[in-house]
Amino acid sequence: MEKDTPNCKPGLKRILVSGPESSGKTDLVNRLAERFNGAAVEEYARAYVEGLDRPYTIEDVEHIARHQFSSFEQEFPGKEWVFFDTWLIITMVWFDVVYERVPSWLDDAIRGARFDLVLLCAPDLPWIPDGVRENGGKERLQLFDRYKMELERFGMEWEEVRGTGEERIAKAEEIIYRKTGYGTI
């Protein structure tokens, strides 16, 4: 039986989908946006880096971070839900891991933006290499642990999402309903 569309309270609900590379973030964002008749904010870093004809630089990562920051304030007319495919926490960790420094403005930007919920995708899906992904194997697991640590440090409401295919989507929906109080299953 098809679930009813969520009965939403007034105001835009922002859900961040985060996690290490190749953990199903993009698919989850797109499926949830469709399910909740919401907006999907694509992963800007991937498109940007794929468009470069050279290795990315720290300046490129700063550009990506500023774009991600501005995406939080975007207008989404007619939508009550918006799902973000990654955001500044991943970029902050990227700065730290690759360049061993983080722009001073990033911490305040993350603290100032409140998501209703963060879905942290576990690295329980196979890692599929491509031209942009850099961190498979143990690095992916280490990044997953680091993202959890940062979500805690920033006091963000988050839940881990595991499983494959429809199981993963159903788990994410259940978490959204339970944690945000919107809609019914």
N, C-alpha and C. Protein backbone atom coordinates (compact mmCIF):
# COMPACT_ATOMS: atom_id res chain seq x y z
N MET A 1 0.84 -1.18 0.00
CA MET A 1 0.00 0.00 0.00
C MET A 1 0.88 1.25 0.00
N GLU A 2 0.57 2.22 -0.81
CA GLU A 2 1.34 3.46 -0.93
C GLU A 2 1.15 4.31 0.32
N LYS A 3 2.20 4.90 0.79
CA LYS A 3 2.13 5.77 1.96
C LYS A 3 1.56 7.12 1.54
N ASP A 4 0.84 7.75 2.46
CA ASP A 4 0.33 9.09 2.19
C ASP A 4 1.48 10.08 2.14
N THR A 5 1.28 11.15 1.39
CA THR A 5 2.27 12.23 1.39
C THR A 5 2.31 12.81 2.80
N PRO A 6 3.50 13.14 3.29
CA PRO A 6 3.61 13.65 4.66
C PRO A 6 2.73 14.86 4.90
N ASN A 7 2.06 14.89 6.06
CA ASN A 7 1.29 16.06 6.49
C ASN A 7 2.27 16.98 7.18
N CYS A 8 2.69 18.01 6.49
CA CYS A 8 3.79 18.85 6.97
C CYS A 8 3.31 20.03 7.78
N LYS A 9 4.07 20.36 8.79
CA LYS A 9 3.86 21.60 9.53
C LYS A 9 4.41 22.73 8.67
N PRO A 10 3.97 23.97 8.90
CA PRO A 10 4.46 25.09 8.10
C PRO A 10 5.97 25.28 8.23
N GLY A 11 6.58 25.75 7.17
CA GLY A 11 8.00 26.04 7.17
C GLY A 11 8.80 25.00 6.42
N LEU A 12 9.91 25.42 5.90
CA LEU A 12 10.77 24.56 5.11
C LEU A 12 11.56 23.61 6.02
N LYS A 13 11.54 22.32 5.69
CA LYS A 13 12.32 21.33 6.42
C LYS A 13 13.55 21.02 5.60
N ARG A 14 14.72 21.16 6.22
CA ARG A 14 15.99 20.89 5.55
C ARG A 14 16.59 19.60 6.09
N ILE A 15 16.81 18.65 5.19
CA ILE A 15 17.41 17.37 5.55
C ILE A 15 18.73 17.25 4.80
N LEU A 16 19.79 17.05 5.54
CA LEU A 16 21.11 16.87 4.96
C LEU A 16 21.42 15.38 4.88
N VAL A 17 21.85 14.94 3.71
CA VAL A 17 22.30 13.56 3.53
C VAL A 17 23.81 13.62 3.36
N SER A 18 24.50 13.00 4.28
CA SER A 18 25.96 13.07 4.32
C SER A 18 26.54 11.67 4.39
N GLY A 19 27.84 11.58 4.28
CA GLY A 19 28.51 10.30 4.39
C GLY A 19 29.71 10.24 3.47
N PRO A 20 30.50 9.19 3.60
CA PRO A 20 31.69 9.05 2.77
C PRO A 20 31.34 8.76 1.31
N GLU A 21 32.36 8.76 0.50
CA GLU A 21 32.19 8.50 -0.92
C GLU A 21 31.52 7.15 -1.15
N SER A 22 30.70 7.11 -2.19
CA SER A 22 30.08 5.86 -2.65
C SER A 22 29.24 5.20 -1.56
N SER A 23 28.49 6.04 -0.81
CA SER A 23 27.63 5.50 0.25
C SER A 23 26.15 5.73 -0.05
N GLY A 24 25.83 6.06 -1.29
CA GLY A 24 24.43 6.15 -1.70
C GLY A 24 23.75 7.48 -1.43
N LYS A 25 24.51 8.53 -1.19
CA LYS A 25 23.92 9.83 -0.86
C LYS A 25 23.04 10.38 -1.98
N THR A 26 23.57 10.39 -3.18
CA THR A 26 22.84 11.00 -4.30
C THR A 26 21.54 10.26 -4.58
N ASP A 27 21.59 8.94 -4.61
CA ASP A 27 20.37 8.17 -4.84
C ASP A 27 19.37 8.44 -3.73
N LEU A 28 19.82 8.46 -2.49
CA LEU A 28 18.93 8.70 -1.37
C LEU A 28 18.29 10.08 -1.45
N VAL A 29 19.07 11.10 -1.74
CA VAL A 29 18.53 12.46 -1.87
C VAL A 29 17.45 12.50 -2.95
N ASN A 30 17.75 11.95 -4.10
CA ASN A 30 16.80 12.00 -5.21
C ASN A 30 15.52 11.23 -4.89
N ARG A 31 15.66 10.08 -4.29
CA ARG A 31 14.47 9.27 -3.95
C ARG A 31 13.63 9.95 -2.87
N LEU A 32 14.28 10.54 -1.86
CA LEU A 32 13.53 11.21 -0.80
C LEU A 32 12.85 12.48 -1.33
N ALA A 33 13.54 13.23 -2.17
CA ALA A 33 12.92 14.43 -2.75
C ALA A 33 11.68 14.04 -3.55
N GLU A 34 11.77 12.96 -4.28
CA GLU A 34 10.60 12.48 -5.04
C GLU A 34 9.50 12.04 -4.08
N ARG A 35 9.84 11.28 -3.10
CA ARG A 35 8.85 10.74 -2.15
C ARG A 35 8.12 11.83 -1.38
N PHE A 36 8.86 12.87 -0.98
CA PHE A 36 8.28 13.94 -0.17
C PHE A 36 7.87 15.15 -1.01
N ASN A 37 7.93 15.00 -2.34
CA ASN A 37 7.63 16.12 -3.24
C ASN A 37 8.46 17.34 -2.85
N GLY A 38 9.73 17.09 -2.59
CA GLY A 38 10.62 18.14 -2.14
C GLY A 38 11.64 18.50 -3.21
N ALA A 39 12.54 19.37 -2.83
CA ALA A 39 13.63 19.79 -3.72
C ALA A 39 14.90 19.01 -3.35
N ALA A 40 15.69 18.74 -4.36
CA ALA A 40 16.98 18.07 -4.17
C ALA A 40 18.09 19.05 -4.54
N VAL A 41 19.00 19.31 -3.61
CA VAL A 41 20.15 20.16 -3.89
C VAL A 41 21.31 19.22 -4.22
N GLU A 42 21.74 19.27 -5.46
CA GLU A 42 22.78 18.35 -5.94
C GLU A 42 24.12 18.61 -5.27
N GLU A 43 24.95 17.58 -5.30
CA GLU A 43 26.32 17.70 -4.78
C GLU A 43 27.12 18.60 -5.72
N TYR A 44 27.42 19.79 -5.28
CA TYR A 44 28.12 20.76 -6.12
C TYR A 44 29.58 20.37 -6.34
N ALA A 45 30.23 19.82 -5.34
CA ALA A 45 31.66 19.50 -5.44
C ALA A 45 31.93 18.55 -6.61
N ARG A 46 31.12 17.52 -6.74
CA ARG A 46 31.34 16.54 -7.81
C ARG A 46 31.28 17.22 -9.18
N ALA A 47 30.21 17.95 -9.43
CA ALA A 47 30.06 18.60 -10.74
C ALA A 47 31.20 19.59 -11.00
N TYR A 48 31.57 20.32 -9.96
CA TYR A 48 32.63 21.31 -10.12
C TYR A 48 33.97 20.64 -10.45
N VAL A 49 34.35 19.63 -9.68
CA VAL A 49 35.63 18.95 -9.89
C VAL A 49 35.64 18.20 -11.23
N GLU A 50 34.53 17.59 -11.59
CA GLU A 50 34.46 16.92 -12.89
C GLU A 50 34.66 17.90 -14.05
N GLY A 51 34.27 19.16 -13.85
CA GLY A 51 34.40 20.17 -14.89
C GLY A 51 35.79 20.78 -15.01
N LEU A 52 36.67 20.48 -14.08
CA LEU A 52 38.03 21.03 -14.15
C LEU A 52 38.87 20.25 -15.15
N ASP A 53 39.77 20.93 -15.82
CA ASP A 53 40.71 20.24 -16.72
C ASP A 53 42.10 20.18 -16.09
N ARG A 54 42.11 20.17 -14.74
CA ARG A 54 43.35 20.15 -13.97
C ARG A 54 43.02 19.62 -12.59
N PRO A 55 44.01 19.28 -11.80
CA PRO A 55 43.73 18.87 -10.41
C PRO A 55 43.12 20.04 -9.62
N TYR A 56 42.23 19.74 -8.71
CA TYR A 56 41.63 20.80 -7.90
C TYR A 56 42.66 21.38 -6.94
N THR A 57 42.43 22.61 -6.53
CA THR A 57 43.32 23.33 -5.62
C THR A 57 42.55 23.73 -4.36
N ILE A 58 43.25 24.27 -3.39
CA ILE A 58 42.59 24.75 -2.18
C ILE A 58 41.61 25.88 -2.52
N GLU A 59 41.94 26.68 -3.52
CA GLU A 59 41.03 27.74 -3.95
C GLU A 59 39.74 27.15 -4.51
N ASP A 60 39.85 26.04 -5.23
CA ASP A 60 38.66 25.36 -5.75
C ASP A 60 37.78 24.86 -4.61
N VAL A 61 38.40 24.28 -3.60
CA VAL A 61 37.64 23.76 -2.47
C VAL A 61 36.97 24.92 -1.72
N GLU A 62 37.65 26.06 -1.62
CA GLU A 62 37.02 27.23 -0.99
C GLU A 62 35.82 27.70 -1.81
N HIS A 63 35.96 27.71 -3.13
CA HIS A 63 34.83 28.08 -4.00
C HIS A 63 33.66 27.12 -3.77
N ILE A 64 33.94 25.84 -3.71
CA ILE A 64 32.91 24.83 -3.45
C ILE A 64 32.22 25.10 -2.11
N ALA A 65 33.00 25.37 -1.09
CA ALA A 65 32.45 25.63 0.24
C ALA A 65 31.53 26.85 0.22
N ARG A 66 31.94 27.91 -0.43
CA ARG A 66 31.11 29.13 -0.48
C ARG A 66 29.81 28.86 -1.24
N HIS A 67 29.89 28.08 -2.30
CA HIS A 67 28.67 27.72 -3.03
C HIS A 67 27.75 26.88 -2.14
N GLN A 68 28.31 25.90 -1.43
CA GLN A 68 27.51 25.08 -0.53
C GLN A 68 26.85 25.94 0.55
N PHE A 69 27.60 26.90 1.07
CA PHE A 69 27.06 27.78 2.10
C PHE A 69 25.86 28.55 1.54
N SER A 70 25.98 29.09 0.34
CA SER A 70 24.88 29.86 -0.24
C SER A 70 23.68 28.98 -0.57
N SER A 71 23.91 27.71 -0.84
CA SER A 71 22.80 26.82 -1.19
C SER A 71 21.83 26.64 -0.03
N PHE A 72 22.31 26.80 1.19
CA PHE A 72 21.45 26.64 2.35
C PHE A 72 20.35 27.70 2.37
N GLU A 73 20.66 28.89 1.91
CA GLU A 73 19.71 30.01 1.94
C GLU A 73 18.84 30.11 0.69
N GLN A 74 19.00 29.20 -0.25
CA GLN A 74 18.22 29.22 -1.47
C GLN A 74 16.73 29.21 -1.16
N GLU A 75 15.95 29.76 -2.07
CA GLU A 75 14.49 29.70 -1.98
C GLU A 75 14.02 28.45 -2.71
N PHE A 76 13.00 27.83 -2.20
CA PHE A 76 12.42 26.65 -2.82
C PHE A 76 10.90 26.83 -2.88
N PRO A 77 10.44 27.70 -3.77
CA PRO A 77 9.00 28.01 -3.83
C PRO A 77 8.15 26.75 -3.99
N GLY A 78 7.11 26.68 -3.20
CA GLY A 78 6.16 25.58 -3.29
C GLY A 78 6.64 24.28 -2.67
N LYS A 79 7.81 24.28 -2.08
CA LYS A 79 8.35 23.06 -1.48
C LYS A 79 8.37 23.21 0.04
N GLU A 80 8.06 22.12 0.73
CA GLU A 80 8.15 22.11 2.18
C GLU A 80 9.36 21.33 2.66
N TRP A 81 9.95 20.56 1.76
CA TRP A 81 11.10 19.73 2.08
C TRP A 81 12.22 20.02 1.11
N VAL A 82 13.44 20.08 1.64
CA VAL A 82 14.61 20.18 0.76
C VAL A 82 15.67 19.21 1.30
N PHE A 83 16.24 18.45 0.37
CA PHE A 83 17.23 17.43 0.70
C PHE A 83 18.56 17.82 0.08
N PHE A 84 19.58 17.95 0.91
CA PHE A 84 20.91 18.36 0.47
C PHE A 84 21.81 17.15 0.30
N ASP A 85 22.43 17.04 -0.86
CA ASP A 85 23.39 15.97 -1.14
C ASP A 85 24.77 16.49 -0.75
N THR A 86 25.19 16.19 0.45
CA THR A 86 26.42 16.65 1.11
C THR A 86 26.34 18.14 1.43
N TRP A 87 27.28 18.58 2.23
CA TRP A 87 27.32 19.99 2.60
C TRP A 87 28.64 20.31 3.26
N LEU A 88 28.70 21.37 4.02
CA LEU A 88 29.95 21.94 4.52
C LEU A 88 30.76 21.05 5.47
N ILE A 89 30.13 20.15 6.19
CA ILE A 89 30.93 19.31 7.10
C ILE A 89 31.90 18.45 6.30
N ILE A 90 31.42 17.86 5.21
CA ILE A 90 32.31 17.06 4.37
C ILE A 90 33.42 17.94 3.80
N THR A 91 33.07 19.14 3.38
CA THR A 91 34.06 20.05 2.80
C THR A 91 35.07 20.48 3.85
N MET A 92 34.62 20.73 5.08
CA MET A 92 35.53 21.09 6.15
C MET A 92 36.54 19.96 6.40
N VAL A 93 36.05 18.73 6.43
CA VAL A 93 36.94 17.58 6.62
C VAL A 93 37.89 17.46 5.43
N TRP A 94 37.39 17.70 4.23
CA TRP A 94 38.20 17.67 3.01
C TRP A 94 39.37 18.66 3.14
N PHE A 95 39.09 19.90 3.57
CA PHE A 95 40.15 20.89 3.81
C PHE A 95 41.19 20.32 4.77
N ASP A 96 40.72 19.78 5.87
CA ASP A 96 41.63 19.31 6.91
C ASP A 96 42.47 18.12 6.44
N VAL A 97 41.84 17.16 5.79
CA VAL A 97 42.56 15.96 5.37
C VAL A 97 43.54 16.25 4.24
N VAL A 98 43.11 17.02 3.25
CA VAL A 98 43.95 17.26 2.07
C VAL A 98 44.96 18.38 2.31
N TYR A 99 44.55 19.46 2.97
CA TYR A 99 45.40 20.65 3.09
C TYR A 99 45.87 20.94 4.52
N GLU A 100 45.35 20.20 5.48
CA GLU A 100 45.69 20.37 6.89
C GLU A 100 45.43 21.79 7.40
N ARG A 101 44.42 22.40 6.83
CA ARG A 101 43.95 23.70 7.33
C ARG A 101 42.52 23.91 6.85
N VAL A 102 41.77 24.67 7.65
CA VAL A 102 40.36 24.91 7.38
C VAL A 102 40.14 26.42 7.44
N PRO A 103 39.46 27.00 6.45
CA PRO A 103 39.18 28.44 6.50
C PRO A 103 38.44 28.81 7.79
N SER A 104 38.81 29.94 8.35
CA SER A 104 38.27 30.35 9.65
C SER A 104 36.76 30.56 9.62
N TRP A 105 36.18 30.94 8.50
CA TRP A 105 34.75 31.24 8.43
C TRP A 105 33.88 29.98 8.45
N LEU A 106 34.48 28.83 8.15
CA LEU A 106 33.70 27.61 7.96
C LEU A 106 33.00 27.14 9.24
N ASP A 107 33.68 27.20 10.36
CA ASP A 107 33.10 26.76 11.62
C ASP A 107 31.83 27.54 11.95
N ASP A 108 31.89 28.86 11.83
CA ASP A 108 30.71 29.69 12.10
C ASP A 108 29.59 29.43 11.09
N ALA A 109 29.94 29.20 9.84
CA ALA A 109 28.93 28.91 8.81
C ALA A 109 28.18 27.63 9.14
N ILE A 110 28.90 26.62 9.57
CA ILE A 110 28.26 25.35 9.91
C ILE A 110 27.38 25.52 11.15
N ARG A 111 27.88 26.22 12.14
CA ARG A 111 27.10 26.43 13.37
C ARG A 111 25.84 27.25 13.11
N GLY A 112 25.90 28.16 12.16
CA GLY A 112 24.77 29.06 11.89
C GLY A 112 23.66 28.45 11.06
N ALA A 113 23.92 27.36 10.40
CA ALA A 113 22.92 26.72 9.54
C ALA A 113 22.35 25.52 10.27
N ARG A 114 21.07 25.51 10.46
CA ARG A 114 20.44 24.41 11.19
C ARG A 114 19.63 23.55 10.24
N PHE A 115 19.93 22.27 10.27
CA PHE A 115 19.16 21.29 9.53
C PHE A 115 18.18 20.65 10.50
N ASP A 116 17.04 20.25 9.99
CA ASP A 116 16.08 19.54 10.83
C ASP A 116 16.59 18.16 11.18
N LEU A 117 17.42 17.61 10.29
CA LEU A 117 17.94 16.28 10.50
C LEU A 117 19.09 16.04 9.53
N VAL A 118 20.06 15.24 9.97
CA VAL A 118 21.14 14.77 9.09
C VAL A 118 21.02 13.26 9.01
N LEU A 119 20.98 12.75 7.79
CA LEU A 119 21.03 11.31 7.56
C LEU A 119 22.46 10.99 7.15
N LEU A 120 23.14 10.22 7.97
CA LEU A 120 24.54 9.86 7.72
C LEU A 120 24.57 8.46 7.10
N CYS A 121 24.93 8.40 5.82
CA CYS A 121 24.96 7.14 5.09
C CYS A 121 26.19 6.33 5.48
N ALA A 122 25.94 5.12 5.95
CA ALA A 122 27.03 4.22 6.32
C ALA A 122 27.72 3.70 5.06
N PRO A 123 29.01 3.43 5.15
CA PRO A 123 29.75 2.90 4.00
C PRO A 123 29.57 1.39 3.87
N ASP A 124 28.30 0.96 3.86
CA ASP A 124 28.00 -0.47 3.76
C ASP A 124 27.62 -0.87 2.33
N LEU A 125 27.75 0.05 1.40
CA LEU A 125 27.57 -0.24 -0.03
C LEU A 125 28.96 -0.41 -0.64
N PRO A 126 29.07 -1.16 -1.72
CA PRO A 126 30.39 -1.31 -2.35
C PRO A 126 30.94 0.04 -2.82
N TRP A 127 32.23 0.22 -2.64
CA TRP A 127 32.89 1.42 -3.13
C TRP A 127 33.12 1.25 -4.62
N ILE A 128 32.63 2.21 -5.40
CA ILE A 128 32.78 2.16 -6.85
C ILE A 128 33.68 3.32 -7.26
N PRO A 129 34.90 3.02 -7.71
CA PRO A 129 35.81 4.10 -8.10
C PRO A 129 35.31 4.82 -9.36
N ASP A 130 35.63 6.09 -9.43
CA ASP A 130 35.38 6.87 -10.64
C ASP A 130 36.43 7.97 -10.69
N GLY A 131 36.30 8.89 -11.60
CA GLY A 131 37.32 9.92 -11.78
C GLY A 131 37.41 10.94 -10.66
N VAL A 132 36.45 10.96 -9.75
CA VAL A 132 36.42 11.96 -8.69
C VAL A 132 36.67 11.34 -7.31
N ARG A 133 36.20 10.16 -7.09
CA ARG A 133 36.34 9.52 -5.77
C ARG A 133 37.79 9.20 -5.48
N GLU A 134 38.19 9.45 -4.22
CA GLU A 134 39.58 9.29 -3.83
C GLU A 134 39.78 8.36 -2.63
N ASN A 135 38.73 8.07 -1.88
CA ASN A 135 38.90 7.44 -0.58
C ASN A 135 38.08 6.17 -0.41
N GLY A 136 38.59 5.09 -0.94
CA GLY A 136 37.96 3.79 -0.72
C GLY A 136 38.62 3.10 0.46
N GLY A 137 38.24 1.86 0.71
CA GLY A 137 38.89 1.07 1.75
C GLY A 137 38.81 1.67 3.13
N LYS A 138 39.93 1.57 3.86
CA LYS A 138 39.95 2.03 5.25
C LYS A 138 39.78 3.54 5.35
N GLU A 139 40.18 4.29 4.34
CA GLU A 139 40.00 5.75 4.38
C GLU A 139 38.52 6.10 4.45
N ARG A 140 37.71 5.35 3.73
CA ARG A 140 36.26 5.59 3.73
C ARG A 140 35.70 5.37 5.13
N LEU A 141 36.14 4.33 5.80
CA LEU A 141 35.68 4.06 7.16
C LEU A 141 36.17 5.13 8.13
N GLN A 142 37.41 5.58 7.95
CA GLN A 142 37.94 6.65 8.80
C GLN A 142 37.16 7.95 8.61
N LEU A 143 36.82 8.26 7.36
CA LEU A 143 36.04 9.46 7.09
C LEU A 143 34.65 9.35 7.70
N PHE A 144 34.04 8.19 7.62
CA PHE A 144 32.73 7.97 8.24
C PHE A 144 32.79 8.29 9.73
N ASP A 145 33.81 7.78 10.40
CA ASP A 145 33.97 8.06 11.83
C ASP A 145 34.21 9.54 12.08
N ARG A 146 34.96 10.16 11.22
CA ARG A 146 35.24 11.60 11.37
C ARG A 146 33.96 12.42 11.19
N TYR A 147 33.13 12.05 10.20
CA TYR A 147 31.87 12.77 10.00
C TYR A 147 30.98 12.64 11.22
N LYS A 148 30.92 11.45 11.81
CA LYS A 148 30.13 11.28 13.04
C LYS A 148 30.64 12.20 14.14
N MET A 149 31.95 12.25 14.29
CA MET A 149 32.56 13.10 15.31
C MET A 149 32.20 14.57 15.09
N GLU A 150 32.27 15.00 13.84
CA GLU A 150 31.97 16.41 13.54
C GLU A 150 30.49 16.73 13.73
N LEU A 151 29.61 15.81 13.36
CA LEU A 151 28.18 16.03 13.59
C LEU A 151 27.92 16.19 15.08
N GLU A 152 28.57 15.39 15.89
CA GLU A 152 28.44 15.51 17.35
C GLU A 152 29.00 16.84 17.83
N ARG A 153 30.17 17.19 17.34
CA ARG A 153 30.81 18.45 17.76
C ARG A 153 29.94 19.66 17.46
N PHE A 154 29.26 19.62 16.32
CA PHE A 154 28.40 20.74 15.94
C PHE A 154 26.99 20.62 16.52
N GLY A 155 26.73 19.58 17.27
CA GLY A 155 25.43 19.42 17.91
C GLY A 155 24.28 19.20 16.94
N MET A 156 24.57 18.56 15.84
CA MET A 156 23.53 18.32 14.83
C MET A 156 22.76 17.04 15.15
N GLU A 157 21.47 17.10 14.91
CA GLU A 157 20.59 15.93 15.06
C GLU A 157 20.85 15.01 13.87
N TRP A 158 21.32 13.79 14.14
CA TRP A 158 21.65 12.89 13.04
C TRP A 158 21.30 11.46 13.38
N GLU A 159 21.12 10.68 12.31
CA GLU A 159 20.87 9.24 12.42
C GLU A 159 21.61 8.56 11.29
N GLU A 160 22.07 7.38 11.57
CA GLU A 160 22.79 6.59 10.58
C GLU A 160 21.80 5.80 9.72
N VAL A 161 22.08 5.74 8.42
CA VAL A 161 21.25 4.98 7.49
C VAL A 161 22.10 3.85 6.92
N ARG A 162 21.58 2.63 7.02
CA ARG A 162 22.27 1.45 6.50
C ARG A 162 21.32 0.68 5.60
N GLY A 163 21.86 -0.31 4.91
CA GLY A 163 21.05 -1.18 4.07
C GLY A 163 21.22 -0.85 2.60
N THR A 164 20.57 -1.65 1.78
CA THR A 164 20.68 -1.46 0.34
C THR A 164 19.30 -1.25 -0.27
N GLY A 165 19.29 -0.60 -1.42
CA GLY A 165 18.07 -0.43 -2.20
C GLY A 165 16.89 0.11 -1.43
N GLU A 166 15.75 -0.56 -1.59
CA GLU A 166 14.51 -0.12 -0.96
C GLU A 166 14.59 -0.15 0.57
N GLU A 167 15.38 -1.07 1.10
CA GLU A 167 15.57 -1.14 2.55
C GLU A 167 16.16 0.17 3.08
N ARG A 168 17.14 0.70 2.36
CA ARG A 168 17.81 1.95 2.76
C ARG A 168 16.84 3.13 2.68
N ILE A 169 16.05 3.17 1.61
CA ILE A 169 15.07 4.25 1.43
C ILE A 169 14.03 4.18 2.55
N ALA A 170 13.51 2.99 2.82
CA ALA A 170 12.50 2.83 3.87
C ALA A 170 13.05 3.23 5.23
N LYS A 171 14.30 2.88 5.50
CA LYS A 171 14.92 3.24 6.77
C LYS A 171 15.04 4.76 6.89
N ALA A 172 15.45 5.41 5.82
CA ALA A 172 15.57 6.88 5.82
C ALA A 172 14.21 7.53 6.04
N GLU A 173 13.18 7.03 5.37
CA GLU A 173 11.83 7.58 5.57
C GLU A 173 11.38 7.41 7.02
N GLU A 174 11.60 6.24 7.57
CA GLU A 174 11.21 5.98 8.95
C GLU A 174 11.92 6.94 9.90
N ILE A 175 13.19 7.18 9.67
CA ILE A 175 13.94 8.11 10.51
C ILE A 175 13.38 9.52 10.40
N ILE A 176 13.08 9.95 9.18
CA ILE A 176 12.53 11.30 8.97
C ILE A 176 11.22 11.45 9.73
N TYR A 177 10.32 10.49 9.57
CA TYR A 177 9.04 10.58 10.27
C TYR A 177 9.24 10.61 11.78
N ARG A 178 10.08 9.74 12.28
CA ARG A 178 10.29 9.63 13.73
C ARG A 178 10.99 10.85 14.30
N LYS A 179 12.01 11.34 13.62
CA LYS A 179 12.82 12.43 14.17
C LYS A 179 12.24 13.81 13.95
N THR A 180 11.52 14.01 12.85
CA THR A 180 10.99 15.35 12.58
C THR A 180 9.57 15.51 13.05
N GLY A 181 8.86 14.40 13.27
CA GLY A 181 7.47 14.49 13.70
C GLY A 181 6.51 14.86 12.59
N TYR A 182 6.95 14.81 11.36
CA TYR A 182 6.12 15.17 10.22
C TYR A 182 5.60 13.92 9.54
N GLY A 183 4.29 13.92 9.27
CA GLY A 183 3.71 12.84 8.49
C GLY A 183 3.49 11.59 9.32
N THR A 184 3.00 10.59 8.65
CA THR A 184 2.78 9.30 9.27
C THR A 184 3.21 8.21 8.31
N ILE A 185 3.55 7.09 8.86
CA ILE A 185 3.95 5.97 8.01
C ILE A 185 2.70 5.16 7.69
